[in-house]
C-alpha cells in the first residue's frame, strides 16, 4: 500500500481544522496591500481582510506560490511518503498550478501527481479533502486520481457577487458597465465552465439573485437532497442565511457544509459574495 501525501494551496479555502484532520499540507499564496504583505489564511483572516478591502481605494494584488516553495515541500515529504498528489485552483486564474508542475519536474515526475482542478475556493477544496480521505483509507494513487477526475467533471459552482466594484477594479468589467450595474443594483450570477468564470444571468438585488440561483438549479433538474453541498460567503453571513432559507423553501432541509471564501479569491470576487458548490 502506497503512502500518499496530499498537498494544496490556500485558495482551496479549507474550513478550520480540516487540513490537520486529514494531514493536508497547504501552501499559501500572498496578498499585497500597498506596502503590506500577507500570507493567505496565515497572516490575515478573511474578516479583517474584507473590512480593509471595503475601505481601500486601490485593489490589493496577489502572488502565486513559487516553484521553489513547492520544490522544498515535495523534497521534504518524499522522504517519508511514496507519492504526492498536489491539487490546485484553475490554471486560468493563477500560475500556482504551473509552479507546481515546474517543481514536480525538478524533483520526481514519477512520484508526484499535479492536478489542475479547474475550479475555485471550496469547489476544489472538497476535492482536496476527498483525496486526503482516500489516501488515509489506503486507496491507490490511480484510485484517488480517477476519483478526482470524476469530481473535476461533476462539481458544479454557482455564485453571486454583491458589488460590481471589484470586477471593475480588477479589470474584469468595464467602468461603464459597472456603473450602470451599480445604479440598477444588478447582481451578476456566475458559474465555472472548464476552469473559467462565466456570467449566466443577473438579478436586481442580492436576495433576488440568490433566489434566482435556486430557480436555475430547479430548472436544471438538480435534486439537492441527493447532492453533496457546500455553501460559502465572503464576510456576508446574513445573505448566506438568506440563501440557505431559499434553498430550504425549494427543497426542504438539506445537509450542507459552510465555509468562508478566503482572501486571495476575495480579491477578485469582493466582499459580500455568496457561492454554492454541489455534486
Protein backbone atom coordinates (compact mmCIF):
# COMPACT_ATOMS: atom_id res chain seq x y z
CA UNK A 1 0.00 0.00 0.00
CA UNK A 2 1.43 3.36 -1.09
CA UNK A 3 1.72 6.12 1.49
CA UNK A 4 0.28 9.24 -0.17
CA UNK A 5 0.71 12.88 0.87
CA UNK A 6 -1.88 15.41 -0.31
CA UNK A 7 -0.75 18.99 -0.92
CA UNK A 8 -2.80 22.02 -1.96
CA UNK A 9 -2.68 25.81 -1.91
CA UNK A 10 -4.54 28.28 0.28
CA UNK A 11 -7.20 29.13 -2.32
CA UNK A 12 -8.82 25.76 -1.52
CA UNK A 13 -10.32 27.63 1.47
CA UNK A 14 -10.45 24.54 3.68
CA UNK A 15 -12.61 25.07 6.79
CA UNK A 16 -10.81 25.34 10.11
CA UNK A 17 -9.31 22.09 11.34
CA UNK A 18 -9.80 20.16 8.09
CA UNK A 19 -6.15 20.30 6.97
CA UNK A 20 -4.97 18.98 10.33
CA UNK A 21 -7.63 16.28 10.44
CA UNK A 22 -6.71 14.87 7.03
CA UNK A 23 -2.95 15.57 7.08
CA UNK A 24 -3.14 18.07 4.19
CA UNK A 25 -0.23 20.43 3.54
CA UNK A 26 -1.43 23.89 2.48
CA UNK A 27 0.96 26.32 0.77
CA UNK A 28 -0.15 29.95 0.98
CA UNK A 29 -0.47 32.43 -1.83
CA UNK A 30 0.48 36.01 -0.95
CA UNK A 31 -1.61 39.19 -0.81
CA UNK A 32 -0.12 42.66 -1.20
CA UNK A 33 -2.00 45.61 0.31
CA UNK A 34 0.01 48.72 -0.57
CA UNK A 35 3.29 48.12 1.29
CA UNK A 36 1.93 45.29 3.41
CA UNK A 37 2.42 41.62 2.56
CA UNK A 38 0.26 38.81 3.95
CA UNK A 39 0.28 35.04 3.58
CA UNK A 40 -3.25 33.90 2.79
CA UNK A 41 -5.04 32.41 5.85
CA UNK A 42 -1.85 32.75 7.97
CA UNK A 43 -1.09 36.44 8.43
CA UNK A 44 -4.60 37.78 7.88
CA UNK A 45 -8.06 36.29 8.40
CA UNK A 46 -10.87 36.84 5.88
CA UNK A 47 -12.99 39.12 8.09
CA UNK A 48 -10.11 41.55 8.73
CA UNK A 49 -9.14 41.40 5.07
CA UNK A 50 -12.65 42.23 3.81
CA UNK A 51 -13.02 45.08 6.30
CA UNK A 52 -9.82 46.61 4.95
CA UNK A 53 -10.80 45.88 1.36
CA UNK A 54 -14.07 47.78 1.68
CA UNK A 55 -12.17 50.92 2.68
CA UNK A 56 -9.34 50.61 0.16
CA UNK A 57 -9.14 52.84 -2.90
CA UNK A 58 -6.63 50.57 -4.61
CA UNK A 59 -7.33 46.88 -5.14
CA UNK A 60 -4.86 44.53 -3.39
CA UNK A 61 -2.82 42.20 -5.58
CA UNK A 62 -1.86 38.55 -5.20
CA UNK A 63 1.13 36.37 -5.94
CA UNK A 64 1.16 32.65 -6.76
CA UNK A 65 3.11 30.04 -4.85
CA UNK A 66 6.54 29.95 -6.49
CA UNK A 67 8.24 26.78 -7.80
CA UNK A 68 10.93 26.80 -5.10
CA UNK A 69 8.32 26.67 -2.34
CA UNK A 70 6.78 23.61 -3.97
CA UNK A 71 10.20 22.07 -4.56
CA UNK A 72 11.10 22.34 -0.87
CA UNK A 73 7.84 20.73 0.23
CA UNK A 74 7.99 17.98 -2.39
CA UNK A 75 11.53 17.04 -1.39
CA UNK A 76 10.60 17.13 2.29
CA UNK A 77 7.57 14.86 2.01
CA UNK A 78 9.07 12.37 -0.44
CA UNK A 79 11.46 11.39 2.35
CA UNK A 80 8.51 9.85 4.25
CA UNK A 81 5.84 9.27 1.60
CA UNK A 82 5.76 7.11 -1.52
CA UNK A 83 3.77 9.57 -3.59
CA UNK A 84 2.49 13.17 -3.56
CA UNK A 85 -0.80 14.31 -5.04
CA UNK A 86 -0.82 18.10 -5.42
CA UNK A 87 -4.18 19.75 -6.24
CA UNK A 88 -4.62 23.40 -7.20
CA UNK A 89 -7.05 26.06 -8.37
CA UNK A 90 -7.81 26.56 -12.03
CA UNK A 91 -4.75 27.45 -14.08
CA UNK A 92 -6.94 30.03 -15.85
CA UNK A 93 -6.81 32.15 -12.69
CA UNK A 94 -3.33 31.62 -11.28
CA UNK A 95 0.15 30.42 -12.15
CA UNK A 96 0.21 28.28 -8.99
CA UNK A 97 -0.56 25.06 -10.89
CA UNK A 98 2.27 25.81 -13.33
CA UNK A 99 4.64 26.46 -10.44
CA UNK A 100 3.75 23.04 -9.05
CA UNK A 101 4.41 21.40 -12.43
CA UNK A 102 7.82 23.08 -12.67
CA UNK A 103 8.71 21.86 -9.18
CA UNK A 104 7.49 18.33 -9.94
CA UNK A 105 9.74 18.21 -12.99
CA UNK A 106 12.70 19.31 -10.89
CA UNK A 107 12.07 16.74 -8.16
CA UNK A 108 10.48 13.49 -9.34
CA UNK A 109 7.91 13.18 -12.13
CA UNK A 110 7.13 9.57 -11.26
CA UNK A 111 6.28 10.17 -7.60
CA UNK A 112 4.40 13.46 -7.85
CA UNK A 113 1.00 13.95 -9.49
CA UNK A 114 -0.06 17.57 -10.04
CA UNK A 115 -3.73 18.25 -10.81
CA UNK A 116 -5.39 21.34 -12.24
CA UNK A 117 -8.84 21.05 -10.63
CA UNK A 118 -10.44 23.65 -12.97
CA UNK A 119 -12.33 25.13 -10.03
CA UNK A 120 -12.03 27.68 -7.23
CA UNK A 121 -12.27 28.02 -3.45
CA UNK A 122 -14.01 25.07 -1.73
CA UNK A 123 -15.24 23.89 -5.12
CA UNK A 124 -11.82 22.31 -5.43
CA UNK A 125 -11.15 22.29 -1.69
CA UNK A 126 -13.66 19.46 -1.34
CA UNK A 127 -11.64 17.53 -3.95
CA UNK A 128 -8.56 18.01 -1.80
CA UNK A 129 -10.43 16.64 1.21
CA UNK A 130 -11.71 13.67 -0.78
CA UNK A 131 -8.18 12.87 -1.98
CA UNK A 132 -6.86 13.02 1.59
CA UNK A 133 -9.68 10.84 2.94
CA UNK A 134 -8.98 8.24 0.26
CA UNK A 135 -5.24 8.38 0.95
CA UNK A 136 -5.86 7.81 4.66
CA UNK A 137 -8.17 4.95 3.72
CA UNK A 138 -5.42 3.15 1.86
CA UNK A 139 -6.57 3.79 -1.71
CA UNK A 140 -4.01 3.67 -4.52
CA UNK A 141 -2.74 6.68 -6.45
CA UNK A 142 -4.74 5.61 -9.50
CA UNK A 143 -7.93 5.27 -7.47
CA UNK A 144 -7.50 8.72 -5.96
CA UNK A 145 -6.70 10.35 -9.30
CA UNK A 146 -9.67 8.66 -11.00
CA UNK A 147 -11.99 9.96 -8.29
CA UNK A 148 -10.61 13.49 -8.55
CA UNK A 149 -11.03 13.49 -12.33
CA UNK A 150 -14.66 12.49 -11.80
CA UNK A 151 -15.15 15.38 -9.35
CA UNK A 152 -13.48 17.85 -11.73
CA UNK A 153 -16.10 16.96 -14.35
CA UNK A 154 -19.06 16.94 -11.98
CA UNK A 155 -18.68 19.56 -9.23
CA UNK A 156 -20.98 22.47 -10.12
CA UNK A 157 -20.46 26.03 -8.92
CA UNK A 158 -22.89 28.96 -8.86
CA UNK A 159 -22.25 32.29 -7.16
CA UNK A 160 -23.30 35.91 -6.99
CA UNK A 161 -21.15 38.93 -6.21
CA UNK A 162 -22.59 41.67 -4.02
CA UNK A 163 -20.98 44.55 -5.91
CA UNK A 164 -19.52 45.01 -9.37
CA UNK A 165 -16.86 47.36 -7.98
CA UNK A 166 -14.17 44.70 -7.55
CA UNK A 167 -14.72 43.21 -11.00
CA UNK A 168 -14.25 46.75 -12.33
CA UNK A 169 -11.15 47.43 -10.22
CA UNK A 170 -9.68 44.10 -11.27
CA UNK A 171 -10.17 44.90 -14.94
CA UNK A 172 -12.79 42.16 -15.44
CA UNK A 173 -15.63 44.60 -16.19
CA UNK A 174 -15.69 47.99 -17.90
CA UNK A 175 -16.22 51.06 -15.73
CA UNK A 176 -19.34 51.94 -17.74
CA UNK A 177 -20.95 48.53 -17.25
CA UNK A 178 -20.04 48.56 -13.57
CA UNK A 179 -21.58 52.00 -13.09
CA UNK A 180 -24.80 51.02 -14.87
CA UNK A 181 -24.96 47.74 -12.98
CA UNK A 182 -24.46 49.50 -9.65
CA UNK A 183 -27.13 52.12 -10.39
CA UNK A 184 -29.60 49.36 -11.27
CA UNK A 185 -28.47 47.25 -8.28
CA UNK A 186 -27.77 44.37 -10.68
CA UNK A 187 -26.09 41.29 -9.24
CA UNK A 188 -24.41 39.01 -11.78
CA UNK A 189 -24.88 35.26 -11.35
CA UNK A 190 -21.81 33.34 -12.40
CA UNK A 191 -20.64 29.78 -12.85
CA UNK A 192 -17.42 27.92 -13.62
CA UNK A 193 -17.08 26.28 -17.03
CA UNK A 194 -13.87 24.36 -17.71
CA UNK A 195 -11.93 26.48 -15.27
CA UNK A 196 -13.26 29.82 -16.50
CA UNK A 197 -15.71 32.12 -14.71
CA UNK A 198 -18.74 32.80 -16.89
CA UNK A 199 -21.76 35.06 -16.31
CA UNK A 200 -25.03 33.22 -16.93
CA UNK A 201 -27.73 35.50 -15.51
CA UNK A 202 -28.40 38.56 -13.37
CA UNK A 203 -31.00 39.83 -10.94
CA UNK A 204 -31.83 43.11 -9.26
CA UNK A 205 -30.80 42.89 -5.62
CA UNK A 206 -28.91 40.25 -3.67
CA UNK A 207 -31.94 38.35 -2.32
CA UNK A 208 -33.47 38.05 -5.78
CA UNK A 209 -30.14 36.87 -7.18
CA UNK A 210 -29.85 34.16 -4.55
CA UNK A 211 -33.40 33.02 -5.24
CA UNK A 212 -32.58 33.02 -8.96
CA UNK A 213 -29.70 30.61 -8.29
CA UNK A 214 -32.18 28.25 -6.63
CA UNK A 215 -34.51 28.61 -9.63
CA UNK A 216 -31.64 27.84 -12.03
CA UNK A 217 -30.86 24.65 -10.14
CA UNK A 218 -34.51 23.63 -10.24
CA UNK A 219 -34.73 24.40 -13.96
CA UNK A 220 -31.73 22.14 -14.49
CA UNK A 221 -33.42 19.35 -12.56
CA UNK A 222 -30.91 19.43 -9.70
CA UNK A 223 -32.09 17.47 -6.65
CA UNK A 224 -30.08 18.94 -3.80
CA UNK A 225 -31.33 16.26 -1.41
CA UNK A 226 -29.16 13.75 -3.28
CA UNK A 227 -26.17 16.11 -3.61
CA UNK A 228 -23.13 16.95 -1.52
CA UNK A 229 -23.49 20.69 -0.87
CA UNK A 230 -21.02 23.37 0.20
CA UNK A 231 -22.18 26.95 0.73
CA UNK A 232 -19.78 29.82 1.34
CA UNK A 233 -19.58 33.56 1.76
CA UNK A 234 -17.14 36.45 1.74
CA UNK A 235 -17.98 38.20 5.03
CA UNK A 236 -21.70 38.03 4.30
CA UNK A 237 -23.26 35.61 6.77
CA UNK A 238 -26.61 37.42 6.60
CA UNK A 239 -27.09 36.74 2.90
CA UNK A 240 -25.67 33.23 3.29
CA UNK A 241 -28.51 32.52 5.72
CA UNK A 242 -30.98 34.08 3.24
CA UNK A 243 -29.61 31.72 0.60
CA UNK A 244 -29.94 28.71 2.87
CA UNK A 245 -33.53 29.71 3.61
CA UNK A 246 -34.28 29.97 -0.13
CA UNK A 247 -32.79 26.51 -0.66
CA UNK A 248 -34.90 25.02 2.13
CA UNK A 249 -38.08 26.68 0.83
CA UNK A 250 -37.49 24.97 -2.50
CA UNK A 251 -36.05 21.64 -1.39
CA UNK A 252 -36.83 21.21 2.28
CA UNK A 253 -33.97 20.60 4.70
CA UNK A 254 -30.73 19.55 3.03
CA UNK A 255 -27.35 18.72 4.58
CA UNK A 256 -24.71 21.32 3.77
CA UNK A 257 -21.28 22.44 4.89
CA UNK A 258 -20.49 26.14 5.34
CA UNK A 259 -17.15 27.76 4.58
CA UNK A 260 -15.54 31.18 4.24
CA UNK A 261 -14.15 32.46 0.96
CA UNK A 262 -10.51 33.33 1.64
CA UNK A 263 -8.57 36.48 0.93
CA UNK A 264 -6.97 35.61 -2.43
CA UNK A 265 -10.24 34.57 -4.05
CA UNK A 266 -11.85 37.55 -2.33
CA UNK A 267 -9.55 39.98 -4.14
CA UNK A 268 -11.41 39.18 -7.35
CA UNK A 269 -14.97 38.44 -6.23
CA UNK A 270 -15.07 41.05 -3.46
CA UNK A 271 -16.73 41.03 -0.03
CA UNK A 272 -20.36 40.00 0.02
CA UNK A 273 -20.06 37.13 -2.45
CA UNK A 274 -22.18 34.02 -1.81
CA UNK A 275 -21.46 30.67 -3.50
CA UNK A 276 -22.76 27.12 -3.73
CA UNK A 277 -20.82 24.05 -4.87
CA UNK A 278 -22.73 20.81 -5.36
CA UNK A 279 -22.24 17.35 -6.80
